[in-house]
Amino acid sequence: MADNYKLENNLRKLRFEHDEISQQELANAVGVTRLTIHSIETGKFNPSVALALKIAGFFEKSVEEVFYIKKE
């Protein structure tokens, strides 16, 4: 895929909709640090496929409902 595409996500929205859970609570649930969740939310870090699946599973969503590609 060309470099002008970026992985975006709906993590903040999903956390808000999920009783406004904190980044730390999500991190604990999927086995990573709060900084990892923050870095994913802000687009500084792309999660592994396994982590993306864990996050999607936590929210009971498909991976595509949590993560999507945006053309810059």
PDB file of N, CA and C in Angstrom:
ATOM      1  N   MET A   1       0.852  -1.177   0.000  1.00  0.00           N
ATOM      2  CA  MET A   1       0.000   0.000   0.000  1.00  0.00           C
ATOM      3  C   MET A   1       0.897   1.239   0.000  1.00  0.00           C
ATOM      4  N   ALA A   2       0.490   2.238  -0.706  1.00  0.00           N
ATOM      5  CA  ALA A   2       1.295   3.460  -0.829  1.00  0.00           C
ATOM      6  C   ALA A   2       1.428   4.167   0.518  1.00  0.00           C
ATOM      7  N   ASP A   3       2.471   4.970   0.625  1.00  0.00           N
ATOM      8  CA  ASP A   3       2.749   5.660   1.881  1.00  0.00           C
ATOM      9  C   ASP A   3       1.749   6.756   2.220  1.00  0.00           C
ATOM     10  N   ASN A   4       0.879   7.123   1.286  1.00  0.00           N
ATOM     11  CA  ASN A   4      -0.064   8.197   1.573  1.00  0.00           C
ATOM     12  C   ASN A   4      -1.363   7.676   2.206  1.00  0.00           C
ATOM     13  N   TYR A   5      -1.301   6.477   2.768  1.00  0.00           N
ATOM     14  CA  TYR A   5      -2.428   5.923   3.513  1.00  0.00           C
ATOM     15  C   TYR A   5      -2.026   5.804   4.971  1.00  0.00           C
ATOM     16  N   LYS A   6      -2.981   6.047   5.859  1.00  0.00           N
ATOM     17  CA  LYS A   6      -2.685   5.998   7.289  1.00  0.00           C
ATOM     18  C   LYS A   6      -3.743   5.169   8.004  1.00  0.00           C
ATOM     19  N   LEU A   7      -3.294   4.397   8.982  1.00  0.00           N
ATOM     20  CA  LEU A   7      -4.224   3.630   9.802  1.00  0.00           C
ATOM     21  C   LEU A   7      -4.838   4.565  10.838  1.00  0.00           C
ATOM     22  N   GLU A   8      -6.141   4.680  10.823  1.00  0.00           N
ATOM     23  CA  GLU A   8      -6.885   5.499  11.789  1.00  0.00           C
ATOM     24  C   GLU A   8      -7.684   4.553  12.682  1.00  0.00           C
ATOM     25  N   ASN A   9      -8.269   5.096  13.737  1.00  0.00           N
ATOM     26  CA  ASN A   9      -9.042   4.240  14.642  1.00  0.00           C
ATOM     27  C   ASN A   9     -10.150   5.015  15.343  1.00  0.00           C
ATOM     28  N   ASN A  10     -11.045   4.251  15.911  1.00  0.00           N
ATOM     29  CA  ASN A  10     -12.178   4.790  16.673  1.00  0.00           C
ATOM     30  C   ASN A  10     -12.040   4.490  18.164  1.00  0.00           C
ATOM     31  N   LEU A  11     -10.810   4.339  18.646  1.00  0.00           N
ATOM     32  CA  LEU A  11     -10.625   3.933  20.042  1.00  0.00           C
ATOM     33  C   LEU A  11     -11.229   4.910  21.038  1.00  0.00           C
ATOM     34  N   ARG A  12     -10.962   6.177  20.850  1.00  0.00           N
ATOM     35  CA  ARG A  12     -11.475   7.152  21.826  1.00  0.00           C
ATOM     36  C   ARG A  12     -12.998   7.116  21.881  1.00  0.00           C
ATOM     37  N   LYS A  13     -13.631   7.082  20.710  1.00  0.00           N
ATOM     38  CA  LYS A  13     -15.093   7.013  20.632  1.00  0.00           C
ATOM     39  C   LYS A  13     -15.603   5.739  21.302  1.00  0.00           C
ATOM     40  N   LEU A  14     -14.945   4.618  21.022  1.00  0.00           N
ATOM     41  CA  LEU A  14     -15.384   3.352  21.609  1.00  0.00           C
ATOM     42  C   LEU A  14     -15.188   3.327  23.116  1.00  0.00           C
ATOM     43  N   ARG A  15     -14.097   3.913  23.595  1.00  0.00           N
ATOM     44  CA  ARG A  15     -13.896   3.990  25.054  1.00  0.00           C
ATOM     45  C   ARG A  15     -14.997   4.821  25.689  1.00  0.00           C
ATOM     46  N   PHE A  16     -15.354   5.914  25.051  1.00  0.00           N
ATOM     47  CA  PHE A  16     -16.420   6.786  25.567  1.00  0.00           C
ATOM     48  C   PHE A  16     -17.746   6.026  25.611  1.00  0.00           C
ATOM     49  N   GLU A  17     -18.034   5.292  24.533  1.00  0.00           N
ATOM     50  CA  GLU A  17     -19.294   4.544  24.445  1.00  0.00           C
ATOM     51  C   GLU A  17     -19.307   3.339  25.389  1.00  0.00           C
ATOM     52  N   HIS A  18     -18.159   2.918  25.838  1.00  0.00           N
ATOM     53  CA  HIS A  18     -18.035   1.746  26.706  1.00  0.00           C
ATOM     54  C   HIS A  18     -17.851   2.216  28.149  1.00  0.00           C
ATOM     55  N   ASP A  19     -18.815   2.979  28.632  1.00  0.00           N
ATOM     56  CA  ASP A  19     -18.817   3.527  29.996  1.00  0.00           C
ATOM     57  C   ASP A  19     -17.614   4.419  30.282  1.00  0.00           C
ATOM     58  N   GLU A  20     -17.129   5.083  29.232  1.00  0.00           N
ATOM     59  CA  GLU A  20     -16.013   6.032  29.368  1.00  0.00           C
ATOM     60  C   GLU A  20     -14.807   5.407  30.066  1.00  0.00           C
ATOM     61  N   ILE A  21     -14.462   4.173  29.656  1.00  0.00           N
ATOM     62  CA  ILE A  21     -13.312   3.527  30.283  1.00  0.00           C
ATOM     63  C   ILE A  21     -12.028   4.293  29.951  1.00  0.00           C
ATOM     64  N   SER A  22     -11.088   4.203  30.834  1.00  0.00           N
ATOM     65  CA  SER A  22      -9.818   4.912  30.658  1.00  0.00           C
ATOM     66  C   SER A  22      -8.898   4.130  29.736  1.00  0.00           C
ATOM     67  N   GLN A  23      -7.867   4.814  29.259  1.00  0.00           N
ATOM     68  CA  GLN A  23      -6.833   4.137  28.479  1.00  0.00           C
ATOM     69  C   GLN A  23      -6.212   3.025  29.313  1.00  0.00           C
ATOM     70  N   GLN A  24      -6.015   3.268  30.610  1.00  0.00           N
ATOM     71  CA  GLN A  24      -5.413   2.266  31.488  1.00  0.00           C
ATOM     72  C   GLN A  24      -6.290   1.032  31.609  1.00  0.00           C
ATOM     73  N   GLU A  25      -7.604   1.226  31.744  1.00  0.00           N
ATOM     74  CA  GLU A  25      -8.517   0.085  31.847  1.00  0.00           C
ATOM     75  C   GLU A  25      -8.486  -0.754  30.574  1.00  0.00           C
ATOM     76  N   LEU A  26      -8.463  -0.097  29.422  1.00  0.00           N
ATOM     77  CA  LEU A  26      -8.373  -0.825  28.157  1.00  0.00           C
ATOM     78  C   LEU A  26      -7.040  -1.553  28.066  1.00  0.00           C
ATOM     79  N   ALA A  27      -5.974  -0.863  28.429  1.00  0.00           N
ATOM     80  CA  ALA A  27      -4.636  -1.464  28.396  1.00  0.00           C
ATOM     81  C   ALA A  27      -4.590  -2.723  29.262  1.00  0.00           C
ATOM     82  N   ASN A  28      -5.120  -2.635  30.473  1.00  0.00           N
ATOM     83  CA  ASN A  28      -5.142  -3.797  31.369  1.00  0.00           C
ATOM     84  C   ASN A  28      -5.925  -4.948  30.755  1.00  0.00           C
ATOM     85  N   ALA A  29      -7.027  -4.640  30.105  1.00  0.00           N
ATOM     86  CA  ALA A  29      -7.893  -5.676  29.534  1.00  0.00           C
ATOM     87  C   ALA A  29      -7.236  -6.419  28.376  1.00  0.00           C
ATOM     88  N   VAL A  30      -6.379  -5.726  27.620  1.00  0.00           N
ATOM     89  CA  VAL A  30      -5.766  -6.365  26.441  1.00  0.00           C
ATOM     90  C   VAL A  30      -4.285  -6.680  26.648  1.00  0.00           C
ATOM     91  N   GLY A  31      -3.755  -6.388  27.836  1.00  0.00           N
ATOM     92  CA  GLY A  31      -2.403  -6.804  28.173  1.00  0.00           C
ATOM     93  C   GLY A  31      -1.271  -5.949  27.631  1.00  0.00           C
ATOM     94  N   VAL A  32      -1.500  -4.635  27.540  1.00  0.00           N
ATOM     95  CA  VAL A  32      -0.445  -3.710  27.111  1.00  0.00           C
ATOM     96  C   VAL A  32      -0.378  -2.543  28.097  1.00  0.00           C
ATOM     97  N   THR A  33       0.524  -1.599  27.852  1.00  0.00           N
ATOM     98  CA  THR A  33       0.634  -0.426  28.722  1.00  0.00           C
ATOM     99  C   THR A  33      -0.338   0.666  28.270  1.00  0.00           C
ATOM    100  N   ARG A  34      -0.601   1.596  29.181  1.00  0.00           N
ATOM    101  CA  ARG A  34      -1.443   2.744  28.833  1.00  0.00           C
ATOM    102  C   ARG A  34      -0.801   3.534  27.707  1.00  0.00           C
ATOM    103  N   LEU A  35       0.520   3.650  27.729  1.00  0.00           N
ATOM    104  CA  LEU A  35       1.219   4.391  26.679  1.00  0.00           C
ATOM    105  C   LEU A  35       0.995   3.756  25.305  1.00  0.00           C
ATOM    106  N   THR A  36       0.925   2.445  25.251  1.00  0.00           N
ATOM    107  CA  THR A  36       0.644   1.766  23.978  1.00  0.00           C
ATOM    108  C   THR A  36      -0.727   2.167  23.460  1.00  0.00           C
ATOM    109  N   ILE A  37      -1.737   2.151  24.332  1.00  0.00           N
ATOM    110  CA  ILE A  37      -3.089   2.553  23.924  1.00  0.00           C
ATOM    111  C   ILE A  37      -3.088   4.010  23.472  1.00  0.00           C
ATOM    112  N   HIS A  38      -2.429   4.869  24.235  1.00  0.00           N
ATOM    113  CA  HIS A  38      -2.332   6.283  23.857  1.00  0.00           C
ATOM    114  C   HIS A  38      -1.670   6.437  22.484  1.00  0.00           C
ATOM    115  N   SER A  39      -0.587   5.716  22.264  1.00  0.00           N
ATOM    116  CA  SER A  39       0.139   5.814  20.993  1.00  0.00           C
ATOM    117  C   SER A  39      -0.699   5.307  19.815  1.00  0.00           C
ATOM    118  N   ILE A  40      -1.496   4.270  20.050  1.00  0.00           N
ATOM    119  CA  ILE A  40      -2.394   3.786  18.999  1.00  0.00           C
ATOM    120  C   ILE A  40      -3.476   4.823  18.731  1.00  0.00           C
ATOM    121  N   GLU A  41      -4.092   5.345  19.775  1.00  0.00           N
ATOM    122  CA  GLU A  41      -5.157   6.341  19.629  1.00  0.00           C
ATOM    123  C   GLU A  41      -4.705   7.561  18.848  1.00  0.00           C
ATOM    124  N   THR A  42      -3.486   8.005  19.096  1.00  0.00           N
ATOM    125  CA  THR A  42      -2.989   9.223  18.453  1.00  0.00           C
ATOM    126  C   THR A  42      -2.314   8.957  17.110  1.00  0.00           C
ATOM    127  N   GLY A  43      -2.277   7.692  16.689  1.00  0.00           N
ATOM    128  CA  GLY A  43      -1.714   7.367  15.387  1.00  0.00           C
ATOM    129  C   GLY A  43      -0.201   7.291  15.341  1.00  0.00           C
ATOM    130  N   LYS A  44       0.440   7.274  16.499  1.00  0.00           N
ATOM    131  CA  LYS A  44       1.908   7.189  16.536  1.00  0.00           C
ATOM    132  C   LYS A  44       2.397   5.752  16.451  1.00  0.00           C
ATOM    133  N   PHE A  45       1.509   4.795  16.676  1.00  0.00           N
ATOM    134  CA  PHE A  45       1.877   3.384  16.690  1.00  0.00           C
ATOM    135  C   PHE A  45       0.757   2.573  16.064  1.00  0.00           C
ATOM    136  N   ASN A  46       1.113   1.660  15.151  1.00  0.00           N
ATOM    137  CA  ASN A  46       0.134   0.749  14.571  1.00  0.00           C
ATOM    138  C   ASN A  46       0.201  -0.570  15.333  1.00  0.00           C
ATOM    139  N   PRO A  47      -0.931  -1.061  15.811  1.00  0.00           N
ATOM    140  CA  PRO A  47      -0.912  -2.296  16.589  1.00  0.00           C
ATOM    141  C   PRO A  47      -0.631  -3.507  15.703  1.00  0.00           C
ATOM    142  N   SER A  48      -0.136  -4.547  16.330  1.00  0.00           N
ATOM    143  CA  SER A  48       0.001  -5.825  15.620  1.00  0.00           C
ATOM    144  C   SER A  48      -1.406  -6.335  15.293  1.00  0.00           C
ATOM    145  N   VAL A  49      -1.473  -7.292  14.411  1.00  0.00           N
ATOM    146  CA  VAL A  49      -2.772  -7.887  14.091  1.00  0.00           C
ATOM    147  C   VAL A  49      -3.373  -8.515  15.345  1.00  0.00           C
ATOM    148  N   ALA A  50      -2.543  -9.187  16.126  1.00  0.00           N
ATOM    149  CA  ALA A  50      -3.043  -9.834  17.356  1.00  0.00           C
ATOM    150  C   ALA A  50      -3.621  -8.800  18.320  1.00  0.00           C
ATOM    151  N   LEU A  51      -2.929  -7.682  18.501  1.00  0.00           N
ATOM    152  CA  LEU A  51      -3.434  -6.650  19.408  1.00  0.00           C
ATOM    153  C   LEU A  51      -4.699  -6.009  18.853  1.00  0.00           C
ATOM    154  N   ALA A  52      -4.734  -5.761  17.552  1.00  0.00           N
ATOM    155  CA  ALA A  52      -5.938  -5.191  16.937  1.00  0.00           C
ATOM    156  C   ALA A  52      -7.131  -6.121  17.157  1.00  0.00           C
ATOM    157  N   LEU A  53      -6.910  -7.421  17.039  1.00  0.00           N
ATOM    158  CA  LEU A  53      -7.988  -8.389  17.268  1.00  0.00           C
ATOM    159  C   LEU A  53      -8.416  -8.404  18.727  1.00  0.00           C
ATOM    160  N   LYS A  54      -7.461  -8.300  19.660  1.00  0.00           N
ATOM    161  CA  LYS A  54      -7.801  -8.251  21.082  1.00  0.00           C
ATOM    162  C   LYS A  54      -8.631  -7.015  21.402  1.00  0.00           C
ATOM    163  N   ILE A  55      -8.225  -5.874  20.862  1.00  0.00           N
ATOM    164  CA  ILE A  55      -8.955  -4.624  21.114  1.00  0.00           C
ATOM    165  C   ILE A  55     -10.365  -4.716  20.545  1.00  0.00           C
ATOM    166  N   ALA A  56     -10.466  -5.193  19.303  1.00  0.00           N
ATOM    167  CA  ALA A  56     -11.790  -5.336  18.684  1.00  0.00           C
ATOM    168  C   ALA A  56     -12.658  -6.297  19.497  1.00  0.00           C
ATOM    169  N   GLY A  57     -12.063  -7.394  19.945  1.00  0.00           N
ATOM    170  CA  GLY A  57     -12.805  -8.368  20.752  1.00  0.00           C
ATOM    171  C   GLY A  57     -13.283  -7.776  22.062  1.00  0.00           C
ATOM    172  N   PHE A  58     -12.450  -6.955  22.682  1.00  0.00           N
ATOM    173  CA  PHE A  58     -12.839  -6.308  23.933  1.00  0.00           C
ATOM    174  C   PHE A  58     -14.103  -5.484  23.748  1.00  0.00           C
ATOM    175  N   PHE A  59     -14.176  -4.755  22.638  1.00  0.00           N
ATOM    176  CA  PHE A  59     -15.340  -3.905  22.365  1.00  0.00           C
ATOM    177  C   PHE A  59     -16.466  -4.668  21.670  1.00  0.00           C
ATOM    178  N   GLU A  60     -16.252  -5.962  21.383  1.00  0.00           N
ATOM    179  CA  GLU A  60     -17.224  -6.790  20.659  1.00  0.00           C
ATOM    180  C   GLU A  60     -17.565  -6.170  19.312  1.00  0.00           C
ATOM    181  N   LYS A  61     -16.514  -5.748  18.607  1.00  0.00           N
ATOM    182  CA  LYS A  61     -16.633  -5.138  17.282  1.00  0.00           C
ATOM    183  C   LYS A  61     -15.736  -5.899  16.320  1.00  0.00           C
ATOM    184  N   SER A  62     -15.962  -5.703  15.024  1.00  0.00           N
ATOM    185  CA  SER A  62     -15.025  -6.241  14.043  1.00  0.00           C
ATOM    186  C   SER A  62     -13.796  -5.326  14.008  1.00  0.00           C
ATOM    187  N   VAL A  63     -12.692  -5.844  13.542  1.00  0.00           N
ATOM    188  CA  VAL A  63     -11.475  -5.027  13.442  1.00  0.00           C
ATOM    189  C   VAL A  63     -11.754  -3.790  12.588  1.00  0.00           C
ATOM    190  N   GLU A  64     -12.548  -3.954  11.531  1.00  0.00           N
ATOM    191  CA  GLU A  64     -12.860  -2.839  10.633  1.00  0.00           C
ATOM    192  C   GLU A  64     -13.700  -1.753  11.293  1.00  0.00           C
ATOM    193  N   GLU A  65     -14.418  -2.102  12.361  1.00  0.00           N
ATOM    194  CA  GLU A  65     -15.183  -1.103  13.101  1.00  0.00           C
ATOM    195  C   GLU A  65     -14.301  -0.293  14.042  1.00  0.00           C
ATOM    196  N   VAL A  66     -13.125  -0.827  14.351  1.00  0.00           N
ATOM    197  CA  VAL A  66     -12.204  -0.153  15.254  1.00  0.00           C
ATOM    198  C   VAL A  66     -11.104   0.577  14.465  1.00  0.00           C
ATOM    199  N   PHE A  67     -10.572  -0.084  13.453  1.00  0.00           N
ATOM    200  CA  PHE A  67      -9.464   0.452  12.667  1.00  0.00           C
ATOM    201  C   PHE A  67      -9.869   0.591  11.206  1.00  0.00           C
ATOM    202  N   TYR A  68      -9.367   1.630  10.558  1.00  0.00           N
ATOM    203  CA  TYR A  68      -9.662   1.827   9.140  1.00  0.00           C
ATOM    204  C   TYR A  68      -8.512   2.598   8.489  1.00  0.00           C
ATOM    205  N   ILE A  69      -8.430   2.475   7.178  1.00  0.00           N
ATOM    206  CA  ILE A  69      -7.386   3.150   6.398  1.00  0.00           C
ATOM    207  C   ILE A  69      -7.946   4.455   5.851  1.00  0.00           C
ATOM    208  N   LYS A  70      -7.147   5.515   5.982  1.00  0.00           N
ATOM    209  CA  LYS A  70      -7.541   6.822   5.466  1.00  0.00           C
ATOM    210  C   LYS A  70      -6.453   7.314   4.510  1.00  0.00           C
ATOM    211  N   LYS A  71      -6.867   7.782   3.367  1.00  0.00           N
ATOM    212  CA  LYS A  71      -5.920   8.354   2.412  1.00  0.00           C
ATOM    213  C   LYS A  71      -5.609   9.779   2.840  1.00  0.00           C
ATOM    214  N   GLU A  72      -4.299  10.089   2.915  1.00  0.00           N
ATOM    215  CA  GLU A  72      -3.899  11.434   3.352  1.00  0.00           C
ATOM    216  C   GLU A  72      -3.804  12.374   2.184  1.00  0.00           C
TER     217      GLU A  72
END
